[in-house]
């Protein structure tokens, strides 16, 4: 799942070499934290969060066979 989020995020930004995705396990499931360059945060979030919501929807659909919950957070 990390690779999917990494690929999508790198496709959206101007500085793909600065995109990092961290996996953090907590009591609620797996959290994928996306870190991008400060000037690229808006491109990953999108207007009114539409791109971020689309990324979360893709991850949810791709992880439907997983037993644990997978969430996506975008770090600034």
PDB file of N, CA and C in Angstrom:
ATOM      1  N   UNK A   1       0.820  -1.184   0.000  1.00  0.00           N
ATOM      2  CA  UNK A   1       0.000   0.000   0.000  1.00  0.00           C
ATOM      3  C   UNK A   1       0.873   1.260   0.000  1.00  0.00           C
ATOM      4  N   UNK A   2       1.993   1.172   0.687  1.00  0.00           N
ATOM      5  CA  UNK A   2       2.926   2.296   0.752  1.00  0.00           C
ATOM      6  C   UNK A   2       3.379   2.702  -0.642  1.00  0.00           C
ATOM      7  N   UNK A   3       3.650   1.725  -1.495  1.00  0.00           N
ATOM      8  CA  UNK A   3       4.117   2.002  -2.850  1.00  0.00           C
ATOM      9  C   UNK A   3       3.046   2.709  -3.675  1.00  0.00           C
ATOM     10  N   UNK A   4       1.795   2.342  -3.484  1.00  0.00           N
ATOM     11  CA  UNK A   4       0.694   2.992  -4.199  1.00  0.00           C
ATOM     12  C   UNK A   4       0.612   4.474  -3.835  1.00  0.00           C
ATOM     13  N   UNK A   5       0.651   4.770  -2.548  1.00  0.00           N
ATOM     14  CA  UNK A   5       0.575   6.160  -2.090  1.00  0.00           C
ATOM     15  C   UNK A   5       1.806   6.937  -2.554  1.00  0.00           C
ATOM     16  N   UNK A   6       2.963   6.307  -2.522  1.00  0.00           N
ATOM     17  CA  UNK A   6       4.195   6.952  -2.973  1.00  0.00           C
ATOM     18  C   UNK A   6       4.118   7.291  -4.459  1.00  0.00           C
ATOM     19  N   UNK A   7       3.644   6.363  -5.270  1.00  0.00           N
ATOM     20  CA  UNK A   7       3.524   6.589  -6.710  1.00  0.00           C
ATOM     21  C   UNK A   7       2.547   7.728  -7.018  1.00  0.00           C
ATOM     22  N   UNK A   8       1.394   7.710  -6.383  1.00  0.00           N
ATOM     23  CA  UNK A   8       0.389   8.743  -6.625  1.00  0.00           C
ATOM     24  C   UNK A   8       0.917  10.113  -6.202  1.00  0.00           C
ATOM     25  N   UNK A   9       1.531  10.179  -5.024  1.00  0.00           N
ATOM     26  CA  UNK A   9       2.029  11.448  -4.503  1.00  0.00           C
ATOM     27  C   UNK A   9       3.144  12.009  -5.374  1.00  0.00           C
ATOM     28  N   UNK A  10       4.049  11.146  -5.811  1.00  0.00           N
ATOM     29  CA  UNK A  10       5.148  11.605  -6.668  1.00  0.00           C
ATOM     30  C   UNK A  10       4.640  12.099  -8.016  1.00  0.00           C
ATOM     31  N   UNK A  11       3.541  11.562  -8.474  1.00  0.00           N
ATOM     32  CA  UNK A  11       2.975  11.983  -9.754  1.00  0.00           C
ATOM     33  C   UNK A  11       2.342  13.370  -9.678  1.00  0.00           C
ATOM     34  N   UNK A  12       1.979  13.798  -8.494  1.00  0.00           N
ATOM     35  CA  UNK A  12       1.257  15.053  -8.330  1.00  0.00           C
ATOM     36  C   UNK A  12       2.147  16.266  -8.083  1.00  0.00           C
ATOM     37  N   UNK A  13       3.336  16.058  -7.549  1.00  0.00           N
ATOM     38  CA  UNK A  13       4.139  17.181  -7.046  1.00  0.00           C
ATOM     39  C   UNK A  13       5.214  17.626  -8.029  1.00  0.00           C
ATOM     40  N   UNK A  14       5.799  18.802  -7.746  1.00  0.00           N
ATOM     41  CA  UNK A  14       6.902  19.333  -8.545  1.00  0.00           C
ATOM     42  C   UNK A  14       8.255  18.783  -8.105  1.00  0.00           C
ATOM     43  N   UNK A  15       8.353  18.334  -6.861  1.00  0.00           N
ATOM     44  CA  UNK A  15       9.599  17.815  -6.306  1.00  0.00           C
ATOM     45  C   UNK A  15       9.397  16.367  -5.845  1.00  0.00           C
ATOM     46  N   UNK A  16       9.326  15.414  -6.776  1.00  0.00           N
ATOM     47  CA  UNK A  16       9.041  14.031  -6.391  1.00  0.00           C
ATOM     48  C   UNK A  16      10.132  13.379  -5.545  1.00  0.00           C
ATOM     49  N   UNK A  17      11.347  13.902  -5.619  1.00  0.00           N
ATOM     50  CA  UNK A  17      12.425  13.319  -4.834  1.00  0.00           C
ATOM     51  C   UNK A  17      12.270  13.607  -3.339  1.00  0.00           C
ATOM     52  N   UNK A  18      11.432  14.568  -2.975  1.00  0.00           N
ATOM     53  CA  UNK A  18      11.225  14.915  -1.571  1.00  0.00           C
ATOM     54  C   UNK A  18      10.006  14.241  -0.956  1.00  0.00           C
ATOM     55  N   UNK A  19       9.330  13.398  -1.711  1.00  0.00           N
ATOM     56  CA  UNK A  19       8.154  12.709  -1.188  1.00  0.00           C
ATOM     57  C   UNK A  19       8.605  11.503  -0.367  1.00  0.00           C
ATOM     58  N   UNK A  20       8.070  11.398   0.831  1.00  0.00           N
ATOM     59  CA  UNK A  20       8.349  10.266   1.707  1.00  0.00           C
ATOM     60  C   UNK A  20       7.028   9.751   2.271  1.00  0.00           C
ATOM     61  N   UNK A  21       6.926   8.434   2.392  1.00  0.00           N
ATOM     62  CA  UNK A  21       5.743   7.831   2.989  1.00  0.00           C
ATOM     63  C   UNK A  21       6.210   6.948   4.136  1.00  0.00           C
ATOM     64  N   UNK A  22       5.706   7.233   5.332  1.00  0.00           N
ATOM     65  CA  UNK A  22       6.064   6.475   6.526  1.00  0.00           C
ATOM     66  C   UNK A  22       4.881   5.618   6.954  1.00  0.00           C
ATOM     67  N   UNK A  23       5.171   4.402   7.405  1.00  0.00           N
ATOM     68  CA  UNK A  23       4.138   3.521   7.941  1.00  0.00           C
ATOM     69  C   UNK A  23       4.224   3.555   9.461  1.00  0.00           C
ATOM     70  N   UNK A  24       3.104   3.888  10.097  1.00  0.00           N
ATOM     71  CA  UNK A  24       3.036   3.932  11.552  1.00  0.00           C
ATOM     72  C   UNK A  24       1.880   3.045  11.988  1.00  0.00           C
ATOM     73  N   UNK A  25       2.184   2.081  12.829  1.00  0.00           N
ATOM     74  CA  UNK A  25       1.158   1.173  13.338  1.00  0.00           C
ATOM     75  C   UNK A  25       0.651   1.723  14.661  1.00  0.00           C
ATOM     76  N   UNK A  26      -0.670   1.811  14.809  1.00  0.00           N
ATOM     77  CA  UNK A  26      -1.248   2.209  16.095  1.00  0.00           C
ATOM     78  C   UNK A  26      -2.407   1.284  16.417  1.00  0.00           C
ATOM     79  N   UNK A  27      -3.124   1.590  17.491  1.00  0.00           N
ATOM     80  CA  UNK A  27      -4.203   0.707  17.938  1.00  0.00           C
ATOM     81  C   UNK A  27      -5.380   0.666  16.968  1.00  0.00           C
ATOM     82  N   UNK A  28      -5.527   1.684  16.132  1.00  0.00           N
ATOM     83  CA  UNK A  28      -6.635   1.735  15.180  1.00  0.00           C
ATOM     84  C   UNK A  28      -6.307   1.096  13.844  1.00  0.00           C
ATOM     85  N   UNK A  29      -5.025   0.818  13.577  1.00  0.00           N
ATOM     86  CA  UNK A  29      -4.626   0.216  12.311  1.00  0.00           C
ATOM     87  C   UNK A  29      -3.319   0.805  11.819  1.00  0.00           C
ATOM     88  N   UNK A  30      -3.124   0.761  10.520  1.00  0.00           N
ATOM     89  CA  UNK A  30      -1.910   1.256   9.891  1.00  0.00           C
ATOM     90  C   UNK A  30      -2.157   2.670   9.363  1.00  0.00           C
ATOM     91  N   UNK A  31      -1.240   3.581   9.672  1.00  0.00           N
ATOM     92  CA  UNK A  31      -1.339   4.955   9.199  1.00  0.00           C
ATOM     93  C   UNK A  31      -0.192   5.199   8.220  1.00  0.00           C
ATOM     94  N   UNK A  32      -0.527   5.633   7.018  1.00  0.00           N
ATOM     95  CA  UNK A  32       0.475   6.006   6.030  1.00  0.00           C
ATOM     96  C   UNK A  32       0.604   7.524   6.073  1.00  0.00           C
ATOM     97  N   UNK A  33       1.760   8.002   6.512  1.00  0.00           N
ATOM     98  CA  UNK A  33       1.997   9.433   6.624  1.00  0.00           C
ATOM     99  C   UNK A  33       2.784   9.894   5.405  1.00  0.00           C
ATOM    100  N   UNK A  34       2.218  10.826   4.659  1.00  0.00           N
ATOM    101  CA  UNK A  34       2.837  11.337   3.441  1.00  0.00           C
ATOM    102  C   UNK A  34       3.479  12.678   3.762  1.00  0.00           C
ATOM    103  N   UNK A  35       4.779  12.781   3.492  1.00  0.00           N
ATOM    104  CA  UNK A  35       5.497  14.036   3.715  1.00  0.00           C
ATOM    105  C   UNK A  35       6.011  14.521   2.367  1.00  0.00           C
ATOM    106  N   UNK A  36       5.676  15.765   2.035  1.00  0.00           N
ATOM    107  CA  UNK A  36       6.110  16.367   0.775  1.00  0.00           C
ATOM    108  C   UNK A  36       6.774  17.712   1.074  1.00  0.00           C
ATOM    109  N   UNK A  37       7.369  18.305   0.050  1.00  0.00           N
ATOM    110  CA  UNK A  37       7.977  19.627   0.189  1.00  0.00           C
ATOM    111  C   UNK A  37       6.887  20.634   0.563  1.00  0.00           C
ATOM    112  N   UNK A  38       7.238  21.654   1.342  1.00  0.00           N
ATOM    113  CA  UNK A  38       6.218  22.630   1.783  1.00  0.00           C
ATOM    114  C   UNK A  38       5.439  23.269   0.642  1.00  0.00           C
ATOM    115  N   UNK A  39       6.087  23.521  -0.485  1.00  0.00           N
ATOM    116  CA  UNK A  39       5.368  24.155  -1.602  1.00  0.00           C
ATOM    117  C   UNK A  39       4.473  23.173  -2.364  1.00  0.00           C
ATOM    118  N   UNK A  40       4.586  21.878  -2.068  1.00  0.00           N
ATOM    119  CA  UNK A  40       3.777  20.864  -2.751  1.00  0.00           C
ATOM    120  C   UNK A  40       2.600  20.359  -1.921  1.00  0.00           C
ATOM    121  N   UNK A  41       2.462  20.830  -0.700  1.00  0.00           N
ATOM    122  CA  UNK A  41       1.389  20.336   0.166  1.00  0.00           C
ATOM    123  C   UNK A  41       0.018  20.603  -0.451  1.00  0.00           C
ATOM    124  N   UNK A  42      -0.167  21.772  -1.015  1.00  0.00           N
ATOM    125  CA  UNK A  42      -1.444  22.120  -1.633  1.00  0.00           C
ATOM    126  C   UNK A  42      -1.790  21.243  -2.818  1.00  0.00           C
ATOM    127  N   UNK A  43      -0.779  20.779  -3.535  1.00  0.00           N
ATOM    128  CA  UNK A  43      -1.025  19.918  -4.694  1.00  0.00           C
ATOM    129  C   UNK A  43      -1.481  18.532  -4.278  1.00  0.00           C
ATOM    130  N   UNK A  44      -1.028  18.071  -3.128  1.00  0.00           N
ATOM    131  CA  UNK A  44      -1.427  16.749  -2.646  1.00  0.00           C
ATOM    132  C   UNK A  44      -2.786  16.815  -1.954  1.00  0.00           C
ATOM    133  N   UNK A  45      -3.083  17.943  -1.332  1.00  0.00           N
ATOM    134  CA  UNK A  45      -4.379  18.096  -0.663  1.00  0.00           C
ATOM    135  C   UNK A  45      -5.467  18.469  -1.664  1.00  0.00           C
ATOM    136  N   UNK A  46      -5.183  19.405  -2.557  1.00  0.00           N
ATOM    137  CA  UNK A  46      -6.166  19.817  -3.554  1.00  0.00           C
ATOM    138  C   UNK A  46      -7.166  20.801  -3.000  1.00  0.00           C
ATOM    139  N   UNK A  47      -7.978  21.354  -3.896  1.00  0.00           N
ATOM    140  CA  UNK A  47      -9.006  22.302  -3.477  1.00  0.00           C
ATOM    141  C   UNK A  47     -10.044  21.581  -2.633  1.00  0.00           C
ATOM    142  N   UNK A  48     -10.281  22.137  -1.447  1.00  0.00           N
ATOM    143  CA  UNK A  48     -11.240  21.592  -0.491  1.00  0.00           C
ATOM    144  C   UNK A  48     -10.939  20.134  -0.157  1.00  0.00           C
ATOM    145  N   UNK A  49      -9.679  19.714  -0.294  1.00  0.00           N
ATOM    146  CA  UNK A  49      -9.272  18.366   0.085  1.00  0.00           C
ATOM    147  C   UNK A  49      -9.694  17.271  -0.873  1.00  0.00           C
ATOM    148  N   UNK A  50     -10.026  17.634  -2.099  1.00  0.00           N
ATOM    149  CA  UNK A  50     -10.537  16.645  -3.044  1.00  0.00           C
ATOM    150  C   UNK A  50      -9.505  15.599  -3.433  1.00  0.00           C
ATOM    151  N   UNK A  51      -8.265  16.009  -3.649  1.00  0.00           N
ATOM    152  CA  UNK A  51      -7.224  15.048  -4.048  1.00  0.00           C
ATOM    153  C   UNK A  51      -6.890  14.143  -2.875  1.00  0.00           C
ATOM    154  N   UNK A  52      -6.793  14.699  -1.671  1.00  0.00           N
ATOM    155  CA  UNK A  52      -6.534  13.884  -0.489  1.00  0.00           C
ATOM    156  C   UNK A  52      -7.657  12.865  -0.287  1.00  0.00           C
ATOM    157  N   UNK A  53      -8.876  13.282  -0.493  1.00  0.00           N
ATOM    158  CA  UNK A  53     -10.019  12.373  -0.350  1.00  0.00           C
ATOM    159  C   UNK A  53      -9.961  11.270  -1.406  1.00  0.00           C
ATOM    160  N   UNK A  54      -9.550  11.621  -2.619  1.00  0.00           N
ATOM    161  CA  UNK A  54      -9.432  10.622  -3.687  1.00  0.00           C
ATOM    162  C   UNK A  54      -8.332   9.607  -3.369  1.00  0.00           C
ATOM    163  N   UNK A  55      -7.205  10.084  -2.827  1.00  0.00           N
ATOM    164  CA  UNK A  55      -6.121   9.170  -2.443  1.00  0.00           C
ATOM    165  C   UNK A  55      -6.612   8.218  -1.360  1.00  0.00           C
ATOM    166  N   UNK A  56      -7.327   8.750  -0.382  1.00  0.00           N
ATOM    167  CA  UNK A  56      -7.861   7.903   0.692  1.00  0.00           C
ATOM    168  C   UNK A  56      -8.861   6.889   0.160  1.00  0.00           C
ATOM    169  N   UNK A  57      -9.667   7.275  -0.821  1.00  0.00           N
ATOM    170  CA  UNK A  57     -10.634   6.352  -1.420  1.00  0.00           C
ATOM    171  C   UNK A  57      -9.932   5.227  -2.165  1.00  0.00           C
ATOM    172  N   UNK A  58      -8.867   5.560  -2.892  1.00  0.00           N
ATOM    173  CA  UNK A  58      -8.102   4.531  -3.604  1.00  0.00           C
ATOM    174  C   UNK A  58      -7.454   3.554  -2.632  1.00  0.00           C
ATOM    175  N   UNK A  59      -6.898   4.067  -1.565  1.00  0.00           N
ATOM    176  CA  UNK A  59      -6.275   3.201  -0.563  1.00  0.00           C
ATOM    177  C   UNK A  59      -7.322   2.311   0.091  1.00  0.00           C
ATOM    178  N   UNK A  60      -8.474   2.867   0.384  1.00  0.00           N
ATOM    179  CA  UNK A  60      -9.542   2.078   0.996  1.00  0.00           C
ATOM    180  C   UNK A  60      -9.993   0.953   0.063  1.00  0.00           C
ATOM    181  N   UNK A  61     -10.130   1.264  -1.223  1.00  0.00           N
ATOM    182  CA  UNK A  61     -10.539   0.246  -2.186  1.00  0.00           C
ATOM    183  C   UNK A  61      -9.459  -0.822  -2.370  1.00  0.00           C
ATOM    184  N   UNK A  62      -8.200  -0.396  -2.421  1.00  0.00           N
ATOM    185  CA  UNK A  62      -7.102  -1.348  -2.615  1.00  0.00           C
ATOM    186  C   UNK A  62      -6.860  -2.197  -1.377  1.00  0.00           C
ATOM    187  N   UNK A  63      -7.254  -1.712  -0.213  1.00  0.00           N
ATOM    188  CA  UNK A  63      -7.008  -2.462   1.021  1.00  0.00           C
ATOM    189  C   UNK A  63      -8.243  -3.195   1.509  1.00  0.00           C
ATOM    190  N   UNK A  64      -9.215  -3.365   0.676  1.00  0.00           N
ATOM    191  CA  UNK A  64     -10.457  -4.015   1.111  1.00  0.00           C
ATOM    192  C   UNK A  64     -10.241  -5.469   1.524  1.00  0.00           C
ATOM    193  N   UNK A  65      -9.190  -6.092   1.019  1.00  0.00           N
ATOM    194  CA  UNK A  65      -8.899  -7.474   1.399  1.00  0.00           C
ATOM    195  C   UNK A  65      -8.048  -7.568   2.662  1.00  0.00           C
ATOM    196  N   UNK A  66      -7.575  -6.436   3.171  1.00  0.00           N
ATOM    197  CA  UNK A  66      -6.768  -6.408   4.396  1.00  0.00           C
ATOM    198  C   UNK A  66      -7.682  -6.569   5.615  1.00  0.00           C
ATOM    199  N   UNK A  67      -7.136  -7.134   6.656  1.00  0.00           N
ATOM    200  CA  UNK A  67      -7.906  -7.287   7.888  1.00  0.00           C
ATOM    201  C   UNK A  67      -7.803  -6.056   8.783  1.00  0.00           C
ATOM    202  N   UNK A  68      -6.781  -5.243   8.589  1.00  0.00           N
ATOM    203  CA  UNK A  68      -6.609  -4.049   9.405  1.00  0.00           C
ATOM    204  C   UNK A  68      -7.010  -2.808   8.621  1.00  0.00           C
ATOM    205  N   UNK A  69      -7.315  -1.761   9.336  1.00  0.00           N
ATOM    206  CA  UNK A  69      -7.708  -0.498   8.727  1.00  0.00           C
ATOM    207  C   UNK A  69      -6.458   0.271   8.302  1.00  0.00           C
ATOM    208  N   UNK A  70      -6.502   0.888   7.127  1.00  0.00           N
ATOM    209  CA  UNK A  70      -5.385   1.683   6.642  1.00  0.00           C
ATOM    210  C   UNK A  70      -5.865   3.110   6.410  1.00  0.00           C
ATOM    211  N   UNK A  71      -5.152   4.057   7.037  1.00  0.00           N
ATOM    212  CA  UNK A  71      -5.501   5.465   6.933  1.00  0.00           C
ATOM    213  C   UNK A  71      -4.345   6.239   6.297  1.00  0.00           C
ATOM    214  N   UNK A  72      -4.651   7.361   5.682  1.00  0.00           N
ATOM    215  CA  UNK A  72      -3.630   8.206   5.045  1.00  0.00           C
ATOM    216  C   UNK A  72      -3.674   9.588   5.678  1.00  0.00           C
ATOM    217  N   UNK A  73      -2.503  10.041   6.150  1.00  0.00           N
ATOM    218  CA  UNK A  73      -2.361  11.390   6.693  1.00  0.00           C
ATOM    219  C   UNK A  73      -1.350  12.142   5.853  1.00  0.00           C
ATOM    220  N   UNK A  74      -1.601  13.410   5.616  1.00  0.00           N
ATOM    221  CA  UNK A  74      -0.674  14.243   4.865  1.00  0.00           C
ATOM    222  C   UNK A  74      -0.026  15.214   5.845  1.00  0.00           C
ATOM    223  N   UNK A  75       1.288  15.132   5.947  1.00  0.00           N
ATOM    224  CA  UNK A  75       2.035  15.968   6.876  1.00  0.00           C
ATOM    225  C   UNK A  75       2.499  17.234   6.174  1.00  0.00           C
ATOM    226  N   UNK A  76       2.495  18.326   6.894  1.00  0.00           N
ATOM    227  CA  UNK A  76       2.975  19.578   6.318  1.00  0.00           C
ATOM    228  C   UNK A  76       4.353  19.916   6.848  1.00  0.00           C
TER     229      UNK A  76
END
